[in-house]
N, C-alpha and C. Protein backbone atom coordinates (compact mmCIF):
# COMPACT_ATOMS: atom_id res chain seq x y z
N UNK A 1 18.32 -14.05 2.88
CA UNK A 1 18.00 -14.36 1.37
C UNK A 1 17.20 -15.23 1.11
N UNK A 2 16.79 -16.14 1.20
CA UNK A 2 16.34 -16.74 1.43
C UNK A 2 14.31 -16.51 0.99
N UNK A 3 14.13 -15.33 1.91
CA UNK A 3 12.95 -15.03 1.99
C UNK A 3 12.78 -14.26 0.82
N UNK A 4 14.02 -13.10 0.61
CA UNK A 4 13.70 -12.32 -0.22
C UNK A 4 13.64 -13.02 -1.76
N UNK A 5 14.05 -14.13 -2.10
CA UNK A 5 14.22 -14.83 -2.85
C UNK A 5 12.73 -15.34 -2.71
N UNK A 6 12.20 -16.11 -1.76
CA UNK A 6 10.56 -16.59 -1.70
C UNK A 6 9.67 -15.55 -2.36
N UNK A 7 9.57 -14.16 -1.78
CA UNK A 7 9.33 -13.13 -1.78
C UNK A 7 9.40 -13.41 -3.69
N UNK A 8 10.52 -12.55 -4.10
CA UNK A 8 10.56 -11.89 -5.41
C UNK A 8 9.69 -13.42 -6.48
N UNK A 9 10.29 -15.09 -5.89
CA UNK A 9 9.53 -15.73 -6.97
C UNK A 9 8.14 -15.91 -6.94
N UNK A 10 7.27 -15.84 -5.40
CA UNK A 10 6.29 -15.59 -5.26
C UNK A 10 5.65 -14.19 -6.08
N UNK A 11 6.27 -13.70 -5.43
CA UNK A 11 5.31 -12.05 -6.47
C UNK A 11 5.15 -12.27 -8.13
N UNK A 12 6.40 -13.04 -8.89
CA UNK A 12 6.56 -13.27 -10.15
C UNK A 12 5.26 -14.06 -10.47
N UNK A 13 5.17 -15.11 -9.38
CA UNK A 13 4.18 -16.39 -9.81
C UNK A 13 2.79 -15.83 -9.79
N UNK A 14 2.58 -14.89 -8.95
CA UNK A 14 1.36 -14.48 -9.01
C UNK A 14 0.96 -12.92 -9.64
N UNK A 15 1.89 -12.46 -10.20
CA UNK A 15 1.52 -11.61 -10.99
C UNK A 15 1.28 -12.21 -12.99
N UNK A 16 2.30 -12.76 -12.89
CA UNK A 16 2.62 -13.54 -14.53
C UNK A 16 1.09 -14.91 -14.56
N UNK A 17 1.24 -15.25 -13.73
CA UNK A 17 0.56 -16.37 -13.72
C UNK A 17 -1.34 -16.09 -14.36
N UNK A 18 -1.45 -15.21 -13.80
CA UNK A 18 -2.95 -14.81 -13.96
C UNK A 18 -2.85 -14.59 -16.17
N UNK A 19 -2.05 -13.60 -15.97
CA UNK A 19 -1.91 -13.11 -17.28
C UNK A 19 -1.10 -13.98 -18.43
N UNK A 20 -0.49 -15.36 -17.71
CA UNK A 20 -0.02 -15.81 -18.70
C UNK A 20 -1.12 -16.89 -19.63
N UNK A 21 -2.23 -17.49 -18.21
CA UNK A 21 -3.06 -18.28 -18.36
C UNK A 21 -3.92 -17.37 -19.53
N UNK A 22 -4.32 -16.18 -19.31
CA UNK A 22 -5.51 -15.51 -20.40
C UNK A 22 -4.99 -15.33 -21.79
N UNK A 23 -3.03 -15.57 -22.18
CA UNK A 23 -2.78 -15.32 -23.39
C UNK A 23 -2.93 -16.48 -24.40
N UNK A 24 -3.11 -16.54 -25.36
CA UNK A 24 -3.45 -17.79 -26.37
C UNK A 24 -1.56 -18.31 -25.55
N UNK A 25 -2.21 -19.24 -26.02
CA UNK A 25 -0.33 -20.40 -25.63
C UNK A 25 0.17 -21.01 -27.27
N UNK A 26 -0.32 -20.55 -28.66
CA UNK A 26 0.38 -20.31 -30.03
C UNK A 26 1.47 -19.41 -29.94
N UNK A 27 2.93 -19.53 -29.68
CA UNK A 27 3.88 -18.06 -30.23
C UNK A 27 4.60 -18.66 -30.57
N UNK A 28 3.75 -19.09 -31.56
CA UNK A 28 4.72 -19.60 -32.83
C UNK A 28 5.10 -18.79 -34.24
N UNK A 29 3.86 -17.64 -33.96
CA UNK A 29 3.77 -17.28 -35.28
C UNK A 29 4.81 -15.76 -35.60
N UNK A 30 5.25 -15.75 -36.75
CA UNK A 30 6.38 -14.98 -36.98
C UNK A 30 5.89 -13.28 -37.33
N UNK A 31 6.89 -12.69 -36.95
CA UNK A 31 5.67 -11.61 -36.52
C UNK A 31 6.49 -10.52 -38.09
N UNK A 32 5.88 -10.01 -38.59
CA UNK A 32 6.34 -9.07 -40.00
C UNK A 32 6.74 -7.80 -39.13
N UNK A 33 6.81 -7.26 -37.90
CA UNK A 33 6.69 -5.72 -38.08
C UNK A 33 8.37 -5.81 -37.64
N UNK A 34 8.93 -4.54 -38.20
CA UNK A 34 10.25 -3.97 -37.98
C UNK A 34 10.46 -4.56 -35.94
N UNK A 35 11.50 -5.02 -35.91
CA UNK A 35 12.48 -5.18 -34.63
C UNK A 35 12.48 -3.63 -34.11
N UNK A 36 12.89 -2.26 -34.50
CA UNK A 36 13.19 -1.12 -34.29
C UNK A 36 12.57 -0.19 -35.39
N UNK A 37 11.80 0.90 -34.75
CA UNK A 37 11.53 1.93 -35.28
C UNK A 37 12.45 3.21 -35.18
N UNK A 38 11.77 4.23 -35.73
CA UNK A 38 12.16 5.23 -36.38
C UNK A 38 11.67 6.11 -35.00
N UNK A 39 10.44 5.85 -33.93
CA UNK A 39 10.17 6.05 -32.77
C UNK A 39 11.04 5.62 -31.53
N UNK A 40 12.01 4.15 -31.95
CA UNK A 40 12.43 3.97 -31.09
C UNK A 40 13.68 4.30 -31.14
N UNK A 41 14.39 4.81 -32.19
CA UNK A 41 16.07 5.79 -32.27
C UNK A 41 15.80 7.01 -31.59
N UNK A 42 14.38 7.98 -31.33
CA UNK A 42 14.08 8.93 -31.07
C UNK A 42 14.43 8.92 -29.78
N UNK A 43 13.91 7.81 -29.09
CA UNK A 43 13.71 7.29 -27.88
C UNK A 43 15.42 7.13 -27.60
N UNK A 44 15.86 6.06 -27.73
CA UNK A 44 17.71 6.26 -27.53
C UNK A 44 18.26 7.15 -28.11
N UNK A 45 17.78 8.01 -28.88
CA UNK A 45 18.39 9.51 -29.01
C UNK A 45 18.37 9.87 -27.43
N UNK A 46 17.72 10.25 -27.17
CA UNK A 46 16.98 10.85 -25.55
C UNK A 46 17.44 10.58 -24.72
N UNK A 47 17.71 8.79 -24.55
CA UNK A 47 18.28 8.61 -23.62
C UNK A 47 19.75 8.91 -23.56
N UNK A 48 20.26 9.11 -24.58
CA UNK A 48 21.36 9.30 -25.02
C UNK A 48 21.74 10.89 -24.36
N UNK A 49 21.03 11.55 -24.71
CA UNK A 49 21.29 12.37 -24.31
C UNK A 49 21.11 12.98 -22.90
N UNK A 50 20.38 12.78 -22.61
CA UNK A 50 19.81 12.15 -20.94
C UNK A 50 21.12 12.42 -19.83
N UNK A 51 22.00 10.74 -20.12
CA UNK A 51 23.08 10.10 -20.01
C UNK A 51 24.34 11.69 -20.25
N UNK A 52 24.66 11.86 -21.79
CA UNK A 52 24.95 12.94 -21.86
C UNK A 52 24.88 14.34 -20.58
N UNK A 53 23.92 14.96 -20.29
CA UNK A 53 23.24 16.50 -19.50
C UNK A 53 23.74 15.44 -18.35
N UNK A 54 23.34 14.62 -17.87
CA UNK A 54 23.24 13.54 -16.36
C UNK A 54 24.90 13.84 -16.05
N UNK A 55 25.69 13.52 -16.56
CA UNK A 55 27.11 13.00 -16.60
C UNK A 55 28.01 13.93 -15.38
N UNK A 56 27.40 15.34 -15.76
CA UNK A 56 28.59 15.82 -14.67
C UNK A 56 28.16 15.69 -13.61
N UNK A 57 26.83 15.13 -12.83
CA UNK A 57 26.65 15.00 -11.64
C UNK A 57 27.39 13.57 -11.06
N UNK A 58 27.82 12.84 -11.79
CA UNK A 58 28.49 11.43 -11.61
C UNK A 58 29.43 12.15 -10.65
N UNK A 59 30.22 12.95 -10.31
CA UNK A 59 31.40 12.58 -10.06
C UNK A 59 30.28 13.12 -8.27
N UNK A 60 29.27 14.20 -7.99
CA UNK A 60 28.65 14.74 -7.55
C UNK A 60 28.48 14.02 -6.15
N UNK A 61 27.45 13.00 -7.11
CA UNK A 61 27.17 11.43 -6.02
C UNK A 61 28.16 9.86 -5.57
N UNK A 62 29.08 10.59 -6.52
CA UNK A 62 29.54 9.58 -6.24
C UNK A 62 30.92 10.19 -4.76
N UNK A 63 30.97 11.45 -4.69
CA UNK A 63 31.44 11.62 -3.40
C UNK A 63 30.77 11.44 -2.51
N UNK A 64 29.44 12.28 -2.38
CA UNK A 64 28.38 11.96 -2.06
C UNK A 64 28.24 10.76 -1.27
N UNK A 65 28.19 9.41 -2.36
CA UNK A 65 27.57 8.44 -1.74
C UNK A 65 29.23 7.71 -0.58
N UNK A 66 30.72 8.32 -1.22
CA UNK A 66 31.66 8.11 -0.46
C UNK A 66 31.81 8.37 0.93
N UNK A 67 31.22 9.36 1.30
CA UNK A 67 31.12 9.85 2.75
C UNK A 67 30.89 8.45 3.66
N UNK A 68 31.91 8.70 4.90
CA UNK A 68 32.27 7.97 5.97
C UNK A 68 30.60 7.63 6.18
N UNK A 69 30.03 8.56 6.71
CA UNK A 69 28.48 8.50 7.35
C UNK A 69 27.45 7.15 6.59
N UNK A 70 27.39 7.34 4.78
CA UNK A 70 27.01 6.54 4.14
C UNK A 70 27.13 5.76 4.03
N UNK A 71 28.68 5.40 4.12
CA UNK A 71 29.34 3.95 4.31
C UNK A 71 29.14 3.22 5.31
N UNK A 72 29.20 3.88 6.37
CA UNK A 72 28.81 3.02 7.55
C UNK A 72 27.54 2.69 8.19
N UNK A 73 26.20 3.18 6.98
CA UNK A 73 25.01 3.01 7.40
C UNK A 73 24.73 2.08 7.44
N UNK A 74 24.20 0.97 8.26
CA UNK A 74 23.99 -0.44 7.97
C UNK A 74 22.63 -0.79 7.36
N UNK A 75 21.63 -0.03 7.55
CA UNK A 75 20.22 0.13 6.21
C UNK A 75 20.37 -0.10 4.98
N UNK A 76 21.30 0.97 4.59
CA UNK A 76 22.09 1.70 3.21
C UNK A 76 22.67 0.18 2.91
N UNK A 77 24.11 -0.91 3.47
CA UNK A 77 24.10 -1.17 3.44
C UNK A 77 23.96 -2.93 2.62
N UNK A 78 22.56 -2.90 3.91
CA UNK A 78 21.57 -4.19 4.25
C UNK A 78 21.19 -4.08 2.44
N UNK A 79 20.85 -3.19 2.31
CA UNK A 79 19.20 -2.75 1.23
C UNK A 79 20.43 -2.83 -0.19
N UNK A 80 21.72 -2.60 -0.11
CA UNK A 80 22.93 -2.62 -1.55
C UNK A 80 23.07 -4.23 -1.69
N UNK A 81 22.77 -4.84 -0.19
CA UNK A 81 23.39 -6.02 -0.63
C UNK A 81 21.81 -6.72 -1.23
N UNK A 82 20.82 -6.37 -0.67
CA UNK A 82 19.75 -6.93 -0.87
C UNK A 82 19.03 -7.00 -2.92
N UNK A 83 19.48 -5.74 -3.07
CA UNK A 83 19.50 -5.32 -4.38
C UNK A 83 20.66 -5.85 -5.10
N UNK A 84 21.46 -6.29 -4.71
CA UNK A 84 22.46 -6.80 -5.95
C UNK A 84 22.17 -8.00 -5.53
N UNK A 85 21.66 -9.22 -4.58
CA UNK A 85 21.00 -10.45 -4.70
C UNK A 85 20.31 -10.84 -5.82
N UNK A 86 19.71 -9.21 -5.20
CA UNK A 86 18.24 -9.80 -7.12
C UNK A 86 18.30 -9.36 -8.04
N UNK A 87 19.89 -8.93 -8.44
CA UNK A 87 20.51 -8.88 -9.94
C UNK A 87 20.65 -9.81 -10.72
N UNK A 88 22.05 -10.01 -9.49
CA UNK A 88 22.46 -11.80 -9.71
C UNK A 88 22.72 -12.60 -8.18
N UNK A 89 21.84 -13.59 -7.60
CA UNK A 89 21.36 -14.59 -8.67
C UNK A 89 19.79 -14.29 -8.74
N UNK A 90 19.53 -13.31 -7.63
CA UNK A 90 18.22 -13.01 -7.66
C UNK A 90 16.94 -13.68 -9.01
N UNK A 91 17.59 -12.91 -9.94
CA UNK A 91 16.66 -12.97 -11.36
C UNK A 91 16.78 -14.14 -11.71
N UNK A 92 18.07 -14.56 -11.92
CA UNK A 92 18.45 -16.14 -12.62
C UNK A 92 17.24 -17.21 -11.80
N UNK A 93 17.01 -17.38 -10.01
CA UNK A 93 16.51 -17.51 -9.59
C UNK A 93 14.97 -17.89 -9.92
N UNK A 94 14.04 -16.70 -9.70
CA UNK A 94 12.99 -16.22 -10.52
C UNK A 94 12.60 -16.78 -12.04
N UNK A 95 14.00 -16.81 -12.78
CA UNK A 95 13.78 -17.04 -14.48
C UNK A 95 13.97 -18.66 -14.14
N UNK A 96 14.93 -19.43 -13.61
CA UNK A 96 14.12 -20.63 -13.83
C UNK A 96 12.92 -21.01 -13.06
N UNK A 97 12.98 -20.50 -11.47
CA UNK A 97 11.61 -20.83 -11.29
C UNK A 97 10.29 -20.91 -11.71
N UNK A 98 10.40 -19.84 -12.87
CA UNK A 98 9.12 -19.38 -13.61
C UNK A 98 9.17 -20.52 -14.58
N UNK A 99 9.61 -21.21 -15.03
CA UNK A 99 10.00 -21.86 -16.36
C UNK A 99 9.66 -23.73 -15.14
N UNK A 100 10.02 -23.72 -14.11
CA UNK A 100 9.74 -24.67 -14.12
C UNK A 100 8.36 -24.63 -13.26
N UNK A 101 7.53 -23.42 -12.83
CA UNK A 101 6.30 -23.50 -12.46
C UNK A 101 5.27 -23.47 -13.08
N UNK A 102 5.76 -23.00 -14.47
CA UNK A 102 5.19 -23.52 -15.46
C UNK A 102 5.38 -24.40 -16.63
N UNK A 103 5.98 -25.47 -16.50
CA UNK A 103 6.22 -27.07 -16.81
C UNK A 103 5.08 -27.39 -15.65
N UNK A 104 5.33 -27.77 -14.60
CA UNK A 104 4.80 -28.46 -13.84
C UNK A 104 3.51 -27.90 -14.01
N UNK A 105 3.01 -26.74 -13.58
CA UNK A 105 2.03 -26.38 -13.85
C UNK A 105 1.18 -26.45 -15.38
N UNK A 106 1.72 -26.84 -16.13
CA UNK A 106 1.25 -26.92 -17.54
C UNK A 106 1.03 -24.97 -18.10
N UNK A 107 1.64 -24.42 -17.27
CA UNK A 107 0.95 -22.73 -18.01
C UNK A 107 2.59 -22.74 -19.15
N UNK A 108 2.02 -22.55 -20.05
CA UNK A 108 3.01 -22.26 -21.43
C UNK A 108 3.83 -21.33 -21.32
N UNK A 109 3.12 -20.31 -21.30
CA UNK A 109 3.28 -18.72 -21.45
C UNK A 109 4.50 -18.38 -20.32
N UNK A 110 3.91 -18.96 -19.17
CA UNK A 110 5.01 -18.53 -18.46
C UNK A 110 6.15 -19.75 -17.85
N UNK A 111 6.54 -20.74 -18.65
CA UNK A 111 7.30 -21.84 -19.02
C UNK A 111 8.31 -21.02 -20.18
N UNK A 112 7.56 -20.93 -21.03
CA UNK A 112 8.29 -20.36 -22.43
C UNK A 112 8.98 -18.55 -22.11
N UNK A 113 8.31 -17.75 -20.95
CA UNK A 113 9.29 -16.63 -20.78
C UNK A 113 10.09 -16.44 -19.53
N UNK A 114 10.01 -17.64 -18.47
CA UNK A 114 11.20 -18.33 -18.04
C UNK A 114 12.14 -18.45 -18.31
N UNK A 115 12.15 -19.33 -19.25
CA UNK A 115 13.45 -20.26 -20.02
C UNK A 115 13.95 -18.92 -21.10
N UNK A 116 12.99 -17.82 -21.76
CA UNK A 116 13.31 -17.04 -22.93
C UNK A 116 13.87 -15.57 -21.91
N UNK A 117 13.77 -15.68 -20.63
CA UNK A 117 14.21 -14.52 -19.85
C UNK A 117 15.27 -14.97 -18.99
N UNK A 118 15.89 -15.87 -19.07
CA UNK A 118 16.57 -16.69 -18.77
C UNK A 118 18.19 -16.62 -19.64
N UNK A 119 17.65 -16.94 -20.78
CA UNK A 119 18.52 -16.90 -21.61
C UNK A 119 19.29 -15.69 -22.08
N UNK A 120 17.64 -14.20 -22.13
CA UNK A 120 18.14 -13.48 -21.80
C UNK A 120 19.65 -12.54 -20.64
N UNK A 121 19.10 -13.29 -19.78
CA UNK A 121 20.12 -13.15 -18.70
C UNK A 121 20.96 -13.21 -18.42
N UNK A 122 21.27 -14.50 -19.12
CA UNK A 122 22.77 -15.18 -19.26
C UNK A 122 23.21 -14.43 -20.69
N UNK A 123 22.51 -13.89 -21.68
CA UNK A 123 23.57 -13.57 -23.30
C UNK A 123 24.29 -12.01 -21.98
N UNK A 124 23.44 -11.26 -21.62
CA UNK A 124 23.13 -9.95 -21.45
C UNK A 124 24.40 -9.97 -20.13
N UNK A 125 24.45 -11.03 -19.18
CA UNK A 125 25.23 -10.57 -18.16
C UNK A 125 27.04 -10.75 -18.81
N UNK A 126 26.43 -12.12 -20.29
CA UNK A 126 28.07 -12.32 -20.74
C UNK A 126 28.76 -11.27 -21.30
N UNK A 127 26.99 -10.38 -21.65
CA UNK A 127 27.73 -9.08 -23.09
C UNK A 127 28.14 -7.81 -21.85
N UNK A 128 27.76 -7.96 -21.15
CA UNK A 128 28.38 -7.03 -19.52
C UNK A 128 29.67 -7.61 -19.21
N UNK A 129 30.23 -8.45 -18.60
CA UNK A 129 31.52 -9.51 -18.55
C UNK A 129 32.53 -8.42 -19.80
N UNK A 130 32.46 -8.90 -20.67
CA UNK A 130 32.74 -8.47 -21.35
C UNK A 130 33.18 -7.03 -21.79
N UNK A 131 32.04 -6.42 -22.30
CA UNK A 131 32.67 -4.99 -22.16
C UNK A 131 32.92 -4.86 -20.65
N UNK A 132 32.61 -4.80 -19.51
CA UNK A 132 33.25 -4.06 -18.40
C UNK A 132 34.87 -5.10 -18.36
N UNK A 133 35.46 -5.91 -18.85
CA UNK A 133 36.46 -5.74 -18.76
C UNK A 133 37.41 -5.22 -20.13
N UNK A 134 36.95 -5.04 -21.02
CA UNK A 134 37.00 -3.82 -22.11
C UNK A 134 37.23 -2.31 -21.29
N UNK A 135 36.32 -1.79 -21.24
CA UNK A 135 36.47 -0.36 -20.91
C UNK A 135 37.50 -0.07 -19.96
N UNK A 136 37.27 -1.06 -18.71
CA UNK A 136 37.92 -1.24 -16.96
C UNK A 136 37.64 -0.25 -16.74
N UNK A 137 36.81 0.57 -16.54
CA UNK A 137 36.40 2.08 -15.78
C UNK A 137 36.43 1.53 -14.35
N UNK A 138 36.92 2.51 -13.49
CA UNK A 138 37.18 2.50 -11.84
C UNK A 138 36.24 2.73 -11.46
N UNK A 139 35.75 2.11 -10.05
CA UNK A 139 34.99 1.86 -9.22
C UNK A 139 35.24 3.63 -8.48
N UNK A 140 33.32 4.12 -7.75
CA UNK A 140 33.70 5.70 -7.61
C UNK A 140 35.48 5.34 -6.53
N UNK A 141 35.19 4.20 -5.06
CA UNK A 141 35.94 4.13 -4.27
C UNK A 141 36.76 4.20 -4.49
N UNK A 142 37.86 3.61 -5.67
CA UNK A 142 39.22 3.54 -6.29
C UNK A 142 39.55 5.15 -6.59
N UNK A 143 39.13 5.90 -6.66
CA UNK A 143 39.08 7.23 -7.25
C UNK A 143 38.37 8.29 -7.69
N UNK A 144 37.71 8.81 -6.56
CA UNK A 144 36.79 9.42 -6.81
C UNK A 144 36.59 10.85 -7.28
N UNK A 145 37.95 11.11 -7.34
CA UNK A 145 38.60 12.51 -8.39
C UNK A 145 38.73 11.86 -9.16
N UNK A 146 38.35 10.94 -10.04
CA UNK A 146 39.06 10.49 -11.26
C UNK A 146 37.46 10.41 -12.09
N UNK A 147 36.39 10.64 -12.47
CA UNK A 147 35.25 9.91 -13.18
C UNK A 147 35.73 9.24 -14.22
N UNK A 148 36.57 9.75 -15.06
CA UNK A 148 36.94 9.57 -16.40
C UNK A 148 38.05 8.17 -16.53
N UNK A 149 38.14 7.92 -14.90
CA UNK A 149 39.10 6.52 -15.25
C UNK A 149 39.03 5.88 -15.74
N UNK A 150 38.92 4.75 -17.29
CA UNK A 150 38.87 4.14 -18.08
C UNK A 150 40.49 3.88 -18.63
N UNK A 151 40.51 2.26 -18.92
CA UNK A 151 41.80 2.55 -19.43
C UNK A 151 41.67 0.60 -19.88
N UNK A 152 41.43 0.72 -21.50
CA UNK A 152 41.56 -0.40 -21.79
C UNK A 152 41.84 -1.85 -21.39
N UNK A 153 41.30 -2.53 -21.21
CA UNK A 153 40.99 -4.07 -21.15
C UNK A 153 41.44 -3.89 -19.61
N UNK A 154 41.53 -3.00 -18.65
CA UNK A 154 41.94 -3.57 -17.42
C UNK A 154 40.75 -3.96 -16.83
N UNK A 155 39.69 -4.04 -16.78
CA UNK A 155 38.35 -4.35 -16.07
C UNK A 155 38.79 -6.54 -16.05
N UNK A 156 39.55 -6.96 -16.57
CA UNK A 156 40.13 -8.30 -17.12
C UNK A 156 40.86 -8.57 -15.57
N UNK A 157 41.45 -7.73 -15.03
CA UNK A 157 41.95 -7.90 -13.61
C UNK A 157 41.04 -8.96 -12.64
N UNK A 158 42.03 -9.48 -11.43
CA UNK A 158 40.61 -10.21 -10.89
C UNK A 158 40.27 -10.00 -9.81
N UNK A 159 40.28 -8.18 -8.92
CA UNK A 159 39.69 -7.73 -8.82
C UNK A 159 38.23 -6.88 -9.57
N UNK A 160 37.03 -6.75 -8.62
CA UNK A 160 36.10 -6.40 -9.04
C UNK A 160 36.74 -4.55 -9.01
N UNK A 161 37.60 -3.79 -8.75
CA UNK A 161 37.79 -2.20 -8.85
C UNK A 161 37.87 -1.13 -9.79
N UNK A 162 37.91 -2.20 -11.10
CA UNK A 162 37.51 -2.05 -12.86
C UNK A 162 36.44 -2.32 -13.40
N UNK A 163 35.74 -2.63 -12.66
CA UNK A 163 34.04 -2.97 -13.91
C UNK A 163 33.24 -2.38 -13.30
N UNK A 164 33.28 -1.11 -13.65
CA UNK A 164 32.20 -0.45 -12.86
C UNK A 164 31.26 -0.06 -14.53
N UNK A 165 31.85 0.18 -14.94
CA UNK A 165 30.59 0.22 -16.71
C UNK A 165 31.05 -0.78 -17.71
N UNK A 166 29.48 -1.38 -18.65
CA UNK A 166 27.97 -0.78 -18.34
C UNK A 166 27.64 -1.10 -16.53
N UNK A 167 26.66 -0.95 -16.88
CA UNK A 167 25.65 -1.43 -15.66
C UNK A 167 25.10 -2.75 -15.37
N UNK A 168 25.84 -3.65 -14.97
CA UNK A 168 25.05 -5.14 -14.81
C UNK A 168 23.52 -5.29 -14.23
N UNK A 169 23.31 -4.29 -13.85
CA UNK A 169 21.91 -4.45 -13.36
C UNK A 169 21.06 -3.79 -14.38
N UNK A 170 21.56 -2.83 -14.82
CA UNK A 170 20.73 -2.23 -15.97
C UNK A 170 20.76 -3.29 -16.98
N UNK A 171 21.83 -3.56 -17.44
CA UNK A 171 21.41 -4.22 -18.59
C UNK A 171 20.85 -6.40 -18.13
N UNK A 172 20.48 -6.39 -16.76
CA UNK A 172 19.84 -7.59 -16.44
C UNK A 172 18.68 -6.83 -16.97
N UNK A 173 18.25 -6.03 -16.27
CA UNK A 173 17.26 -4.87 -16.37
C UNK A 173 16.12 -5.31 -17.73
N UNK A 174 17.04 -4.62 -18.91
CA UNK A 174 16.43 -4.98 -19.91
C UNK A 174 16.49 -5.56 -20.56
N UNK A 175 17.47 -6.87 -20.74
CA UNK A 175 17.39 -7.94 -20.87
C UNK A 175 15.67 -8.77 -20.34
N UNK A 176 15.23 -8.83 -19.17
CA UNK A 176 14.63 -8.95 -18.55
C UNK A 176 13.43 -8.26 -19.65
N UNK A 177 12.73 -6.98 -19.88
CA UNK A 177 12.35 -6.37 -19.87
C UNK A 177 12.11 -6.65 -21.45
N UNK A 178 12.88 -6.77 -22.10
CA UNK A 178 12.94 -7.59 -23.04
C UNK A 178 12.04 -9.00 -23.21
N UNK A 179 13.18 -9.79 -23.02
CA UNK A 179 12.00 -11.05 -22.57
C UNK A 179 10.23 -11.01 -22.02
N UNK A 180 10.01 -10.17 -21.82
CA UNK A 180 8.57 -10.13 -21.28
C UNK A 180 7.97 -9.14 -22.43
N UNK A 181 8.52 -8.11 -23.43
CA UNK A 181 7.49 -7.67 -24.29
C UNK A 181 7.49 -8.66 -25.35
N UNK A 182 8.85 -9.40 -25.63
CA UNK A 182 8.49 -10.18 -26.93
C UNK A 182 7.36 -11.34 -26.70
């Protein structure tokens, strides 16, 4: 895990440091551009339509991934563990590391991105926690034959079995992307 963290932090610094140094340091100007445009609405509508169109495939892939062969595959288990780590807490470590490197190296844009990126991750994480608790969708291993197993507030139970939706990794990815683009 330390190797994964070090590699992720090193890649973040190597990728962002040259860009951060090339940018102006004044980020205090207020933009007059709208936050969302008509184009953004069409893109969101396209993603929503794609989600609805792919929903029938959910049960197929859930069954496929639950086969004993896939569940016992050590490579898949290790990959899942590494991806889970990079989602949380890895992304938090990277954000805090960027903030620290930015402050120590006097790279204001990197420090700003580390700070605001980490804030966005915490906000997304809290929002997803509440939504997962309220939605209460069961994970595929609980009942692979019932992909519509939603029960209001069931996700607040102490186990993780009923916190399948929405995706925390997707929310964290979008939060990080929003911080980078803003």
